[in-house]
Protein backbone atom coordinates (compact mmCIF):
# COMPACT_ATOMS: atom_id res chain seq x y z
CA MET A 1 112.81 -236.86 -77.08
CA ALA A 2 114.56 -240.16 -77.85
CA TYR A 3 117.51 -241.24 -75.73
CA LYS A 4 120.39 -243.24 -77.19
CA LYS A 5 123.49 -244.22 -75.24
CA THR A 6 126.67 -243.47 -77.18
CA GLU A 7 130.38 -243.22 -76.47
CA GLN A 8 131.89 -240.46 -78.55
CA TYR A 9 135.25 -238.73 -78.74
CA GLU A 10 135.44 -235.37 -80.46
CA ASP A 11 138.60 -235.04 -82.54
CA HIS A 12 139.37 -231.41 -81.65
CA ILE A 13 138.92 -232.11 -77.92
CA THR A 14 140.98 -235.30 -78.11
CA SER A 15 143.85 -233.60 -79.93
CA GLY A 16 143.85 -230.64 -77.53
CA LEU A 17 143.88 -232.92 -74.49
CA ILE A 18 146.66 -235.09 -75.97
CA LYS A 19 148.84 -231.98 -76.37
CA SER A 20 148.04 -230.78 -72.84
CA TYR A 21 148.65 -234.14 -71.18
CA GLY A 22 151.97 -234.46 -73.02
CA GLU A 23 152.98 -231.10 -71.54
CA VAL A 24 151.83 -232.20 -68.07
CA LEU A 25 154.03 -235.30 -68.27
CA GLU A 26 157.02 -233.16 -69.24
CA LEU A 27 156.36 -230.72 -66.38
CA LEU A 28 156.28 -233.67 -63.97
CA GLY A 29 159.77 -234.65 -65.15
CA GLU A 30 158.74 -237.53 -67.41
CA ASP A 31 159.58 -238.28 -71.00
CA PRO A 32 156.28 -238.56 -72.90
CA GLN A 33 158.10 -240.29 -75.74
CA ARG A 34 159.32 -243.26 -73.71
CA GLU A 35 157.65 -246.58 -74.50
CA GLY A 36 155.37 -246.81 -71.46
CA LEU A 37 154.07 -243.25 -71.84
CA LYS A 38 153.91 -242.84 -75.61
CA LYS A 39 150.16 -243.46 -75.81
CA THR A 40 149.31 -242.23 -72.32
CA PRO A 41 148.20 -238.72 -73.40
CA GLU A 42 145.78 -240.25 -75.92
CA ARG A 43 144.47 -242.77 -73.37
CA LEU A 44 144.00 -239.98 -70.83
CA ALA A 45 142.26 -237.79 -73.39
CA LYS A 46 139.72 -240.52 -74.14
CA ALA A 47 139.36 -241.56 -70.50
CA MET A 48 138.58 -238.01 -69.38
CA GLN A 49 135.99 -237.57 -72.11
CA TYR A 50 134.37 -240.83 -71.02
CA LEU A 51 134.50 -239.92 -67.32
CA THR A 52 132.86 -236.56 -68.00
CA GLN A 53 130.34 -237.67 -70.64
CA GLY A 54 127.50 -236.64 -68.32
CA TYR A 55 127.83 -233.07 -69.58
CA HIS A 56 126.42 -234.28 -72.92
CA LEU A 57 123.56 -236.36 -71.50
CA ASP A 58 120.06 -235.23 -70.53
CA ALA A 59 118.68 -236.87 -67.38
CA LYS A 60 115.12 -235.76 -68.11
CA ALA A 61 115.22 -237.23 -71.63
CA ILE A 62 116.42 -240.52 -70.16
CA ILE A 63 113.49 -240.69 -67.72
CA ASN A 64 110.99 -239.61 -70.37
CA SER A 65 112.21 -242.35 -72.71
CA ALA A 66 110.59 -244.91 -70.39
CA LYS A 67 107.81 -243.03 -68.59
CA PHE A 68 104.61 -244.97 -67.93
CA HIS A 69 101.25 -244.06 -66.43
CA GLU A 70 100.50 -246.23 -63.37
CA GLU A 71 98.00 -245.66 -60.59
CA ILE A 72 100.27 -246.74 -57.77
CA SER A 73 101.57 -244.77 -54.81
CA GLU A 74 103.88 -247.22 -53.07
CA MET A 75 107.55 -246.44 -52.57
CA VAL A 76 109.93 -247.48 -55.37
CA VAL A 77 113.51 -247.99 -54.16
CA VAL A 78 116.61 -248.66 -56.24
CA LYS A 79 119.53 -249.17 -53.89
CA ASP A 80 123.26 -249.87 -54.15
CA ILE A 81 123.71 -248.08 -57.50
CA GLU A 82 127.46 -247.91 -58.07
CA ILE A 83 128.91 -244.41 -58.39
CA TYR A 84 132.21 -243.50 -60.00
CA SER A 85 132.75 -239.77 -60.11
CA MET A 86 135.56 -237.21 -60.11
CA CYS A 87 136.06 -234.65 -57.36
CA GLU A 88 136.18 -231.22 -58.97
CA HIS A 89 138.71 -229.93 -56.42
CA HIS A 90 141.53 -232.41 -57.10
CA MET A 91 140.21 -234.38 -60.08
CA LEU A 92 140.60 -237.60 -58.13
CA PRO A 93 137.85 -240.23 -58.07
CA PHE A 94 135.23 -240.75 -55.43
CA ILE A 95 133.56 -244.13 -55.43
CA GLY A 96 130.48 -245.39 -53.66
CA LYS A 97 126.80 -246.14 -54.01
CA ALA A 98 123.54 -244.28 -54.31
CA HIS A 99 120.16 -245.25 -52.92
CA VAL A 100 117.22 -243.62 -54.70
CA ALA A 101 113.50 -243.78 -53.93
CA TYR A 102 110.38 -242.07 -55.13
CA ILE A 103 106.66 -242.34 -54.46
CA PRO A 104 104.75 -242.29 -57.78
CA ASN A 105 102.02 -239.77 -58.41
CA GLY A 106 100.56 -241.32 -61.56
CA TRP A 107 103.87 -241.90 -63.36
CA ILE A 108 106.74 -244.36 -63.07
CA THR A 109 109.92 -244.86 -65.07
CA GLY A 110 112.00 -247.88 -66.01
CA LEU A 111 114.19 -248.98 -63.11
CA SER A 112 117.35 -248.85 -65.21
CA LYS A 113 116.61 -245.20 -65.96
CA ILE A 114 117.12 -244.34 -62.28
CA ALA A 115 120.63 -245.82 -62.46
CA ARG A 116 121.28 -243.95 -65.72
CA VAL A 117 120.22 -240.66 -64.12
CA VAL A 118 122.77 -241.28 -61.38
CA ASP A 119 125.44 -241.79 -64.06
CA VAL A 120 124.46 -238.61 -65.93
CA PHE A 121 125.42 -236.49 -62.94
CA ALA A 122 128.22 -238.71 -61.60
CA ARG A 123 130.04 -238.53 -64.96
CA ARG A 124 130.96 -234.90 -64.42
CA LEU A 125 133.43 -233.03 -62.25
CA GLN A 126 131.46 -233.09 -59.03
CA VAL A 127 131.05 -232.60 -55.33
CA GLN A 128 129.00 -235.26 -53.59
CA GLU A 129 126.61 -232.73 -52.06
CA ARG A 130 125.62 -231.30 -55.46
CA LEU A 131 125.42 -234.75 -57.05
CA THR A 132 122.87 -235.85 -54.45
CA ILE A 133 120.61 -232.86 -55.08
CA GLN A 134 120.88 -233.06 -58.88
CA ILE A 135 119.65 -236.66 -58.88
CA LYS A 136 116.72 -235.73 -56.63
CA ASP A 137 115.78 -232.70 -58.72
CA ALA A 138 115.85 -234.58 -62.05
CA ILE A 139 113.41 -237.21 -60.75
CA LYS A 140 111.20 -234.61 -59.07
CA GLU A 141 110.96 -232.39 -62.15
CA THR A 142 110.29 -235.24 -64.58
CA LEU A 143 107.95 -237.58 -62.70
CA ASN A 144 106.36 -235.08 -60.30
CA PRO A 145 106.22 -237.78 -57.60
CA LEU A 146 104.75 -237.46 -54.11
CA GLY A 147 108.29 -237.58 -52.80
CA VAL A 148 111.92 -238.31 -53.70
CA ALA A 149 114.82 -239.48 -51.53
CA VAL A 150 118.49 -239.85 -52.40
CA VAL A 151 121.30 -241.05 -50.13
CA ILE A 152 124.89 -241.37 -51.34
CA GLU A 153 127.75 -243.04 -49.49
CA ALA A 154 131.22 -242.61 -50.98
CA LYS A 155 134.95 -242.83 -50.35
CA HIS A 156 137.02 -239.95 -51.71
CA LEU A 157 140.51 -240.63 -52.97
CA CYS A 158 141.42 -236.99 -52.32
CA MET A 159 141.04 -237.84 -48.62
CA MET A 160 142.67 -241.27 -48.93
CA MET A 161 145.69 -240.64 -51.18
CA ARG A 162 146.65 -237.10 -50.18
CA GLY A 163 145.83 -234.49 -47.55
CA VAL A 164 144.62 -236.14 -44.33
CA GLN A 165 145.10 -239.66 -45.78
CA LYS A 166 142.20 -241.24 -43.90
CA GLN A 167 141.60 -244.65 -45.47
CA ASN A 168 138.34 -245.66 -43.83
CA SER A 169 136.27 -242.49 -43.86
CA VAL A 170 132.95 -242.58 -45.72
CA THR A 171 130.98 -239.47 -46.64
CA THR A 172 127.18 -239.72 -46.56
CA THR A 173 124.91 -237.12 -48.13
CA SER A 174 121.12 -237.07 -48.39
CA ALA A 175 118.38 -235.11 -50.08
CA PHE A 176 114.66 -235.49 -49.39
CA ASP A 177 111.57 -233.98 -50.95
CA GLY A 178 107.82 -234.18 -50.44
CA GLU A 179 106.58 -237.15 -48.40
CA PHE A 180 110.13 -238.01 -47.39
CA HIS A 181 110.20 -234.94 -45.15
CA LYS A 182 107.78 -236.87 -42.94
CA SER A 183 109.54 -238.95 -40.34
CA PRO A 184 107.68 -242.29 -40.89
CA THR A 185 108.27 -242.25 -44.67
CA ARG A 186 111.90 -241.28 -44.29
CA SER A 187 112.38 -243.98 -41.63
CA GLU A 188 110.85 -246.62 -43.92
CA PHE A 189 113.23 -245.63 -46.71
CA LEU A 190 116.29 -245.67 -44.46
CA LYS A 191 115.26 -249.06 -43.09
CA LEU A 192 114.86 -250.47 -46.60
CA ILE A 193 118.28 -249.30 -47.80
CA THR A 194 120.04 -250.74 -44.76
CA ALA A 195 118.13 -254.04 -44.64
CA ASP A 196 119.52 -257.26 -46.06
CA LEU A 197 116.48 -258.71 -47.82
CA GLY A 198 118.42 -261.63 -49.32
């Protein structure tokens, strides 16, 4: 299955969102016809489609588009992958980074595909816990590696801008499979993602 990155806006979705966002602005006490807000509903409609485009992408197809047979079994780590996602509870962003590793079992994938898989699931309404597991499962089910590890660190604007308003809190989630359940392998991974190799 071929994978092609596209940015699309569906007319019926865009028009429906424009109408809804115009109503939201009115309910908030704003005038959607004033100069600064006139195009805001359309901008929001397109932005939200872009920020949730992961619903229309297939993580497994992305990995399979660059899947290669290699007889190696050393850990592959892609760290500090930027994450921009939307909390499904308040529809406010959470921003951070993902660290992903796998141990090949005859198959590898292009390094950029790991980052794209992260985006597939981040570009949805999410909770960080589910996002972590979805990334792990997509790699496990497609490459059948000896092990997969995913760690995500993120700041949630729903905790920073409203509610408890804690500016410096960071949420860390992890998911491990296969060889990464073993303490030495997991420790090697955690050491690699925290080390400054520069």
